[in-house]
Amino acid sequence: MDLFKELQARGLVYQHTDEEVLRKRLAAGPMTLYCGYDPTADSLHIGHLLPILVLKRFQLAGHIPIALVGGGTGLIGDPSGKASERVLNPKEVVELWASKIKKQLGHFLDFETKESPAIIANNYDWLGSLQVIEFLRDIGKNFPLGAMLAKDSVEARMNKGISYTEFSYMILQSYDFMKLNEVYGCEMQVGGSDQWGNITAGIDLIRRTSVNQAKEIYGLTMPLVTKSDGVKFGKTESGTIWLDAEKTSPYKFYQFWMNTDDRDVIKFLKFFTFISVEEIASLALGVEKEPEKRKAQRTLAIEVTKLVHGQDALERAEKISNALFGGGLKELSAEEVEEGFSEVPSATIDNLEIGLVDLLIQVGAVTSKRQAREAIESGAIYINDIRYTNVETSVAQLERLGGKYLVIRRGKKNYYLIKFN
């Protein structure tokens, strides 16, 4: 398999060191490469997914990936792509987040296989014990100030302000590359295009400090993921899409991919799935000729949800989705109702004698009793998929989902959830 050609076909190559030399090295045998992930939260999000999957592609092709958790650099903060200074988190918080992220990375990379096992590392192991005088003498002297100021990640922040703390991030990341090269024989760093300045700085440091000045060191970046509608990738009205199921439910995760714009879906299939480029080309024809079927979006949602959350979570997400959009709410368990309707307006009640009119007002489906009666009598109110047209209906007459929920639908798309104490 020509891995570099495969990455190019998927649009995953943005910047790289000498292409001819890199291709020859990849064809020559297993290469050790790394990508870093700073613990800036207690979970990775889908913005991290692309570089994780690139490491996975290298491992599947027989190379050795190192997933580097930034327990040290996470205490500093990378200025790349940031308009202002990051908030510095306490050491114990960063340690906790680093341990959670290490566990997440193990879901995607195989650390147990006998052939080309992945490696997990934490840069606090070497950054935490650095002595400032020795570091400035031995490492800092290799970083000309003019070259550092010319890097995009620094230059973009000069007018708005950048502290020495964040300015030094490039040196620390370069030191990571040097240490990984010394300990594991790591030859290449990969990352998003905003990391190119840091990657090339690391290559320069290795060349300046290595005993073997002639050895090749490589760098490769992938494009930053963008959406055609201008909305930042990985963001929704309710916030970030996380890889942790506790922070973003598998159903919500599945729906994020289902809602992909036609203009983006083929690109995302190439980026985030392991479906062949030929099969993706076939799905592209479907987007062009039968966009209403959304076959490409469903394929994307299935593949990425299964990859991140597993087969069981995928099946649950599809079950909730089918019940919500195709009827069948009564087949859902209480847990599935809660997951599928976690973001709709809701109300909690304990009065079983309340009537349907007052129930609609309480949950916010209508603003007045008159509006409630009109909605009921016109047939616009459904409860657990059943239409109710009698304004005298009481809550006690309604069958609850999972023994504790009512799902109210007004019209085609307005949902509300009633919870019982």
Protein backbone atom coordinates (compact mmCIF):
# COMPACT_ATOMS: atom_id res chain seq x y z
CA MET A 1 0.00 0.00 0.00
CA ASP A 2 1.35 3.44 -0.98
CA LEU A 3 0.39 5.25 2.22
CA PHE A 4 1.43 8.70 1.03
CA LYS A 5 -0.65 8.29 -2.13
CA GLU A 6 -3.62 7.15 -0.01
CA LEU A 7 -3.28 10.21 2.26
CA GLN A 8 -3.13 12.49 -0.77
CA ALA A 9 -6.21 10.87 -2.31
CA ARG A 10 -8.10 11.60 0.89
CA GLY A 11 -6.94 15.22 1.00
CA LEU A 12 -4.98 14.61 4.20
CA VAL A 13 -1.64 16.04 3.07
CA TYR A 14 -1.25 19.80 3.50
CA GLN A 15 2.44 20.49 4.18
CA HIS A 16 5.39 18.12 4.27
CA THR A 17 9.13 17.90 4.09
CA ASP A 18 10.74 16.69 0.87
CA GLU A 19 8.07 14.47 -0.74
CA GLU A 20 10.38 12.21 -2.70
CA VAL A 21 12.60 11.50 0.31
CA LEU A 22 9.58 10.96 2.58
CA ARG A 23 7.91 8.54 0.17
CA LYS A 24 11.10 6.51 -0.12
CA ARG A 25 11.42 6.35 3.66
CA LEU A 26 7.82 5.19 4.11
CA ALA A 27 8.36 2.46 1.53
CA ALA A 28 11.61 1.31 3.14
CA GLY A 29 10.08 -0.11 6.33
CA PRO A 30 8.42 0.79 9.62
CA MET A 31 8.84 4.41 10.68
CA THR A 32 8.20 5.79 14.15
CA LEU A 33 6.17 9.01 14.17
CA TYR A 34 4.27 11.04 16.73
CA CYS A 35 1.47 13.50 17.31
CA GLY A 36 0.84 15.44 20.51
CA TYR A 37 -2.39 16.10 22.39
CA ASP A 38 -2.44 18.68 25.16
CA PRO A 39 -4.93 18.08 27.99
CA THR A 40 -6.89 21.35 27.83
CA ALA A 41 -10.09 19.59 28.99
CA ASP A 42 -11.09 16.24 30.49
CA SER A 43 -11.84 14.81 27.04
CA LEU A 44 -10.69 15.08 23.46
CA HIS A 45 -13.21 16.44 20.95
CA ILE A 46 -13.80 15.78 17.27
CA GLY A 47 -11.28 18.46 16.35
CA HIS A 48 -8.68 15.98 17.64
CA LEU A 49 -10.15 13.06 15.71
CA LEU A 50 -8.42 13.72 12.38
CA PRO A 51 -4.81 13.54 13.69
CA ILE A 52 -5.73 10.50 15.82
CA LEU A 53 -7.03 8.70 12.75
CA VAL A 54 -3.96 9.70 10.75
CA LEU A 55 -1.83 7.96 13.38
CA LYS A 56 -4.14 4.96 13.08
CA ARG A 57 -3.70 4.92 9.28
CA PHE A 58 0.08 4.86 9.75
CA GLN A 59 -0.20 1.98 12.23
CA LEU A 60 -2.42 -0.02 9.87
CA ALA A 61 0.24 0.50 7.19
CA GLY A 62 2.89 -1.05 9.48
CA HIS A 63 4.41 2.05 11.08
CA ILE A 64 4.80 2.79 14.80
CA PRO A 65 2.76 5.74 16.12
CA ILE A 66 3.51 7.55 19.37
CA ALA A 67 0.56 9.31 21.00
CA LEU A 68 2.13 12.01 23.15
CA VAL A 69 -0.02 13.40 25.95
CA GLY A 70 1.10 16.92 26.83
CA GLY A 71 1.14 16.70 30.61
CA GLY A 72 3.98 19.27 30.55
CA THR A 73 3.07 21.49 27.60
CA GLY A 74 -0.54 21.45 28.80
CA LEU A 75 0.63 23.52 31.77
CA ILE A 76 1.91 26.18 29.35
CA GLY A 77 -0.55 26.45 26.47
CA ASP A 78 0.01 26.43 22.72
CA PRO A 79 -0.57 29.85 21.09
CA SER A 80 -1.21 28.23 17.67
CA GLY A 81 -4.63 29.22 16.35
CA LYS A 82 -5.49 31.17 19.49
CA ALA A 83 -6.40 34.87 19.45
CA SER A 84 -5.62 35.38 23.14
CA GLU A 85 -3.69 33.87 26.04
CA ARG A 86 -4.94 30.54 27.36
CA VAL A 87 -6.08 30.18 30.94
CA LEU A 88 -3.42 28.25 32.88
CA ASN A 89 -4.86 25.28 34.76
CA PRO A 90 -3.59 23.88 38.09
CA LYS A 91 -1.08 21.03 37.87
CA GLU A 92 -3.37 18.48 39.56
CA VAL A 93 -6.18 19.30 37.10
CA VAL A 94 -3.89 18.86 34.09
CA GLU A 95 -2.66 15.54 35.53
CA LEU A 96 -6.23 14.27 35.85
CA TRP A 97 -7.12 15.38 32.34
CA ALA A 98 -3.93 13.81 30.95
CA SER A 99 -4.82 10.43 32.47
CA LYS A 100 -8.31 10.55 30.90
CA ILE A 101 -6.95 11.50 27.50
CA LYS A 102 -4.37 8.72 27.65
CA LYS A 103 -7.23 6.26 28.16
CA GLN A 104 -9.18 7.74 25.22
CA LEU A 105 -6.23 7.43 22.86
CA GLY A 106 -6.03 3.74 23.72
CA HIS A 107 -9.44 3.27 22.13
CA PHE A 108 -8.08 4.14 18.68
CA LEU A 109 -4.50 2.85 18.67
CA ASP A 110 -3.36 -0.71 19.32
CA PHE A 111 -0.77 -0.80 22.09
CA GLU A 112 -0.86 -4.60 22.46
CA THR A 113 -0.18 -5.87 18.95
CA LYS A 114 3.14 -7.66 18.42
CA GLU A 115 3.76 -5.94 15.08
CA SER A 116 4.16 -2.15 15.12
CA PRO A 117 2.64 -1.58 18.58
CA ALA A 118 1.64 2.00 19.31
CA ILE A 119 3.41 3.87 22.12
CA ILE A 120 1.85 6.19 24.69
CA ALA A 121 4.03 8.84 26.33
CA ASN A 122 3.62 11.91 28.54
CA ASN A 123 6.00 14.83 28.05
CA TYR A 124 5.80 15.79 31.72
CA ASP A 125 8.14 12.83 32.28
CA TRP A 126 11.02 14.90 30.85
CA LEU A 127 9.75 18.49 30.91
CA GLY A 128 8.85 18.29 34.60
CA SER A 129 12.45 17.71 35.66
CA LEU A 130 14.18 20.29 33.44
CA GLN A 131 16.68 22.67 35.05
CA VAL A 132 16.22 26.18 33.64
CA ILE A 133 19.92 27.13 33.36
CA GLU A 134 20.90 23.91 31.58
CA PHE A 135 17.84 24.10 29.35
CA LEU A 136 18.59 27.66 28.23
CA ARG A 137 22.27 26.87 27.65
CA ASP A 138 21.83 23.56 25.83
CA ILE A 139 18.48 23.99 24.07
CA GLY A 140 17.55 27.67 24.02
CA LYS A 141 20.75 28.66 22.23
CA ASN A 142 19.52 26.72 19.15
CA PHE A 143 16.52 29.00 18.62
CA PRO A 144 17.36 32.27 16.79
CA LEU A 145 14.88 34.93 17.91
CA GLY A 146 14.27 36.13 14.34
CA ALA A 147 13.26 32.65 13.23
CA MET A 148 10.89 32.26 16.18
CA LEU A 149 9.23 35.62 15.52
CA ALA A 150 8.69 34.64 11.88
CA LYS A 151 6.66 31.52 12.77
CA ASP A 152 2.97 31.91 11.96
CA SER A 153 1.80 30.88 15.44
CA VAL A 154 3.87 33.68 17.00
CA GLU A 155 3.53 36.35 14.30
CA ALA A 156 -0.29 36.12 14.42
CA ARG A 157 -0.22 37.01 18.11
CA MET A 158 2.39 39.78 18.16
CA ASN A 159 -0.10 42.64 17.71
CA LYS A 160 -2.63 41.24 20.19
CA GLY A 161 0.01 40.23 22.71
CA ILE A 162 1.79 37.02 23.64
CA SER A 163 3.49 36.21 26.94
CA TYR A 164 6.93 34.66 27.23
CA THR A 165 5.13 31.59 28.63
CA GLU A 166 3.32 30.89 25.36
CA PHE A 167 6.25 32.19 23.30
CA SER A 168 8.36 29.39 24.81
CA TYR A 169 5.88 26.69 23.76
CA MET A 170 7.68 26.20 20.44
CA ILE A 171 10.93 25.38 22.26
CA LEU A 172 9.21 22.85 24.53
CA GLN A 173 7.46 21.12 21.61
CA SER A 174 10.74 20.99 19.71
CA TYR A 175 12.37 19.45 22.77
CA ASP A 176 9.61 16.81 22.80
CA PHE A 177 10.51 15.84 19.23
CA MET A 178 14.20 15.66 20.16
CA LYS A 179 13.52 13.45 23.22
CA LEU A 180 11.24 11.11 21.27
CA ASN A 181 13.91 10.88 18.59
CA GLU A 182 16.53 9.98 21.18
CA VAL A 183 14.42 7.49 23.16
CA TYR A 184 12.24 5.88 20.49
CA GLY A 185 14.01 6.73 17.24
CA CYS A 186 11.03 8.90 16.24
CA GLU A 187 11.60 10.28 12.74
CA MET A 188 8.46 12.28 11.99
CA GLN A 189 5.92 14.57 13.64
CA VAL A 190 2.41 15.00 12.25
CA GLY A 191 -0.23 17.54 13.19
CA GLY A 192 -2.68 20.13 11.94
CA SER A 193 -1.46 22.83 9.56
CA ASP A 194 -1.30 25.32 12.45
CA GLN A 195 1.53 23.17 13.88
CA TRP A 196 3.87 23.50 10.89
CA GLY A 197 6.05 26.16 12.56
CA ASN A 198 6.47 24.04 15.69
CA ILE A 199 7.20 20.92 13.62
CA THR A 200 9.91 22.56 11.53
CA ALA A 201 11.43 24.08 14.67
CA GLY A 202 11.70 20.57 16.12
CA ILE A 203 13.33 19.27 12.94
CA ASP A 204 15.88 22.10 13.09
CA LEU A 205 16.64 21.35 16.76
CA ILE A 206 17.27 17.67 16.06
CA ARG A 207 19.56 18.52 13.16
CA ARG A 208 21.51 21.02 15.29
CA THR A 209 21.94 18.70 18.28
CA SER A 210 22.21 15.27 16.67
CA VAL A 211 25.54 13.51 16.48
CA ASN A 212 24.52 12.30 13.02
CA GLN A 213 23.87 15.60 11.28
CA ALA A 214 23.01 13.88 7.99
CA LYS A 215 20.04 11.81 9.20
CA GLU A 216 16.65 12.71 7.80
CA ILE A 217 13.84 13.97 10.01
CA TYR A 218 10.35 14.47 8.59
CA GLY A 219 7.24 16.53 9.13
CA LEU A 220 3.72 16.31 7.75
CA THR A 221 0.58 18.32 8.41
CA MET A 222 -3.04 17.78 7.48
CA PRO A 223 -5.50 20.57 6.67
CA LEU A 224 -7.56 22.12 9.43
CA VAL A 225 -11.12 20.87 9.07
CA THR A 226 -13.58 23.53 7.92
CA LYS A 227 -17.28 23.52 7.08
CA SER A 228 -18.75 25.03 3.91
CA ASP A 229 -21.37 27.02 5.83
CA GLY A 230 -18.70 28.92 7.73
CA VAL A 231 -19.57 27.40 11.13
CA LYS A 232 -16.54 26.10 13.02
CA PHE A 233 -16.19 22.34 12.69
CA GLY A 234 -17.14 20.44 15.83
CA LYS A 235 -19.37 23.20 17.18
CA THR A 236 -23.16 23.15 17.48
CA GLU A 237 -25.69 25.44 19.10
CA SER A 238 -25.31 23.44 22.31
CA GLY A 239 -21.49 23.46 22.24
CA THR A 240 -18.52 21.22 21.46
CA ILE A 241 -18.88 17.64 20.20
CA TRP A 242 -16.75 15.56 22.57
CA LEU A 243 -15.40 12.02 22.18
CA ASP A 244 -16.48 11.18 25.75
CA ALA A 245 -19.96 9.63 25.73
CA GLU A 246 -20.69 11.25 29.10
CA LYS A 247 -20.15 14.71 27.61
CA THR A 248 -21.72 14.10 24.17
CA SER A 249 -24.13 11.17 23.96
CA PRO A 250 -23.65 8.66 21.11
CA TYR A 251 -27.08 9.71 19.78
CA LYS A 252 -26.11 13.39 19.65
CA PHE A 253 -22.74 12.38 18.17
CA TYR A 254 -24.53 10.32 15.49
CA GLN A 255 -26.89 13.21 14.68
CA PHE A 256 -23.96 15.62 14.30
CA TRP A 257 -22.65 13.56 11.40
CA MET A 258 -26.15 12.94 9.98
CA ASN A 259 -26.60 16.71 9.72
CA THR A 260 -23.48 17.15 7.59
CA ASP A 261 -23.97 19.52 4.66
CA ASP A 262 -24.00 17.92 1.19
CA ARG A 263 -21.01 20.11 0.35
CA ASP A 264 -18.94 18.60 3.16
CA VAL A 265 -20.01 14.97 3.42
CA ILE A 266 -17.63 13.49 0.83
CA LYS A 267 -14.67 15.34 2.30
CA PHE A 268 -15.59 14.12 5.78
CA LEU A 269 -15.97 10.53 4.54
CA LYS A 270 -12.41 10.72 3.21
CA PHE A 271 -11.10 12.29 6.41
CA PHE A 272 -12.89 10.36 9.15
CA THR A 273 -13.66 6.88 7.79
CA PHE A 274 -11.67 3.93 6.48
CA ILE A 275 -14.05 3.31 3.58
CA SER A 276 -12.13 3.01 0.31
CA VAL A 277 -11.77 6.06 -1.91
CA GLU A 278 -13.57 4.10 -4.66
CA GLU A 279 -16.62 3.47 -2.46
CA ILE A 280 -16.66 7.12 -1.42
CA ALA A 281 -16.69 8.11 -5.10
CA SER A 282 -19.83 5.97 -5.51
CA LEU A 283 -21.45 7.73 -2.55
CA ALA A 284 -20.56 11.07 -4.15
CA LEU A 285 -22.71 10.16 -7.15
CA GLY A 286 -25.60 9.55 -4.76
CA VAL A 287 -25.15 13.00 -3.23
CA GLU A 288 -25.30 14.49 -6.71
CA LYS A 289 -28.24 12.49 -8.07
CA GLU A 290 -30.31 11.59 -4.98
CA PRO A 291 -29.34 14.02 -2.20
CA GLU A 292 -32.71 13.59 -0.45
CA LYS A 293 -31.80 9.97 0.49
CA ARG A 294 -28.77 11.21 2.50
CA LYS A 295 -27.06 7.85 2.04
CA ALA A 296 -23.61 9.42 2.31
CA GLN A 297 -24.53 11.17 5.57
CA ARG A 298 -25.90 7.99 7.07
CA THR A 299 -22.77 6.07 6.06
CA LEU A 300 -20.63 8.77 7.65
CA ALA A 301 -22.69 8.75 10.87
CA ILE A 302 -22.58 4.95 11.11
CA GLU A 303 -18.84 4.64 10.47
CA VAL A 304 -17.66 7.40 12.78
CA THR A 305 -20.07 6.57 15.63
CA LYS A 306 -19.02 2.90 15.51
CA LEU A 307 -15.36 3.91 15.41
CA VAL A 308 -15.61 6.23 18.42
CA HIS A 309 -18.32 4.61 20.57
CA GLY A 310 -18.59 0.98 19.38
CA GLN A 311 -21.27 -1.18 17.79
CA ASP A 312 -23.66 -1.25 20.77
CA ALA A 313 -23.72 2.53 21.09
CA LEU A 314 -24.26 2.86 17.34
CA GLU A 315 -27.25 0.53 17.44
CA ARG A 316 -28.74 2.50 20.33
CA ALA A 317 -28.20 5.79 18.49
CA GLU A 318 -29.88 4.40 15.37
CA LYS A 319 -32.77 3.04 17.43
CA ILE A 320 -33.38 6.43 19.02
CA SER A 321 -33.05 8.15 15.65
CA ASN A 322 -35.52 5.79 13.97
CA ALA A 323 -37.99 6.19 16.83
CA LEU A 324 -37.74 9.95 16.76
CA PHE A 325 -38.06 10.41 13.01
CA GLY A 326 -40.02 7.33 12.02
CA GLY A 327 -42.32 6.57 14.93
CA GLY A 328 -41.82 3.85 17.50
CA LEU A 329 -41.21 5.88 20.65
CA LYS A 330 -42.87 3.17 22.73
CA GLU A 331 -39.98 0.82 21.95
CA LEU A 332 -37.50 3.08 23.77
CA SER A 333 -36.31 2.47 27.31
CA ALA A 334 -36.26 5.28 29.87
CA GLU A 335 -32.50 5.68 29.34
CA GLU A 336 -32.94 5.94 25.56
CA VAL A 337 -35.69 8.54 25.93
CA GLU A 338 -33.44 10.57 28.20
CA GLU A 339 -30.54 10.35 25.74
CA GLY A 340 -32.61 11.17 22.67
CA PHE A 341 -34.46 14.12 24.19
CA SER A 342 -31.79 15.55 26.47
CA GLU A 343 -31.79 18.93 24.74
CA VAL A 344 -35.50 19.59 24.14
CA PRO A 345 -37.54 21.83 26.47
CA SER A 346 -38.68 19.81 29.48
CA ALA A 347 -40.70 20.02 32.66
CA THR A 348 -41.00 17.82 35.75
CA ILE A 349 -44.44 17.21 37.30
CA ASP A 350 -45.92 15.23 40.17
CA ASN A 351 -49.60 16.12 39.73
CA LEU A 352 -51.35 13.33 37.81
CA GLU A 353 -54.63 15.25 37.81
CA ILE A 354 -53.29 18.06 35.62
CA GLY A 355 -55.04 18.35 32.26
CA LEU A 356 -53.48 18.32 28.84
CA VAL A 357 -54.11 22.04 28.34
CA ASP A 358 -52.19 23.00 31.46
CA LEU A 359 -49.48 20.43 30.67
CA LEU A 360 -48.76 22.10 27.32
CA ILE A 361 -48.45 25.47 29.02
CA GLN A 362 -46.17 24.13 31.74
CA VAL A 363 -43.69 22.59 29.30
CA GLY A 364 -43.67 25.69 27.08
CA ALA A 365 -45.34 24.16 24.04
CA VAL A 366 -47.93 27.00 24.05
CA THR A 367 -48.26 30.34 25.80
CA SER A 368 -51.97 30.34 26.69
CA LYS A 369 -54.93 28.04 27.33
CA ARG A 370 -56.60 29.28 24.19
CA GLN A 371 -53.54 28.45 22.09
CA ALA A 372 -53.40 25.03 23.78
CA ARG A 373 -57.04 24.24 22.97
CA GLU A 374 -56.57 25.32 19.34
CA ALA A 375 -53.47 23.13 18.96
CA ILE A 376 -55.24 20.10 20.47
CA GLU A 377 -58.48 20.47 18.50
CA SER A 378 -56.61 21.02 15.21
CA GLY A 379 -54.74 17.71 15.67
CA ALA A 380 -51.31 19.29 16.14
CA ILE A 381 -50.53 17.59 19.47
CA TYR A 382 -48.98 14.11 19.67
CA ILE A 383 -47.97 12.36 22.87
CA ASN A 384 -45.74 9.30 22.53
CA ASP A 385 -46.65 9.17 18.81
CA ILE A 386 -50.42 9.25 19.48
CA ARG A 387 -52.52 12.22 18.38
CA TYR A 388 -54.78 13.71 21.08
CA THR A 389 -57.68 15.96 20.06
CA ASN A 390 -59.71 15.96 23.29
CA VAL A 391 -59.03 19.05 25.41
CA GLU A 392 -60.40 17.21 28.48
CA THR A 393 -57.58 14.62 28.44
CA SER A 394 -55.71 14.35 31.76
CA VAL A 395 -52.16 13.20 32.47
CA ALA A 396 -53.47 10.19 34.39
CA GLN A 397 -54.88 8.80 31.11
CA LEU A 398 -51.52 8.90 29.32
CA GLU A 399 -49.17 5.93 29.10
CA ARG A 400 -45.61 6.84 30.07
CA LEU A 401 -42.46 5.74 28.23
CA GLY A 402 -40.26 3.66 30.49
CA GLY A 403 -42.74 4.37 33.25
CA LYS A 404 -41.52 7.96 33.68
CA TYR A 405 -41.63 10.06 30.48
CA LEU A 406 -44.04 11.68 28.04
CA VAL A 407 -42.74 12.94 24.70
CA ILE A 408 -44.94 15.72 23.34
CA ARG A 409 -44.74 16.78 19.73
CA ARG A 410 -46.42 19.90 18.43
CA GLY A 411 -46.54 19.92 14.63
CA LYS A 412 -43.72 18.11 12.82
CA LYS A 413 -40.56 19.20 14.59
CA ASN A 414 -41.28 20.77 17.99
CA TYR A 415 -40.57 18.29 20.79
CA TYR A 416 -41.00 18.58 24.56
CA LEU A 417 -40.26 16.15 27.39
CA ILE A 418 -42.34 15.60 30.51
CA LYS A 419 -40.62 13.90 33.44
CA PHE A 420 -42.44 12.46 36.45
CA ASN A 421 -41.11 12.56 40.00
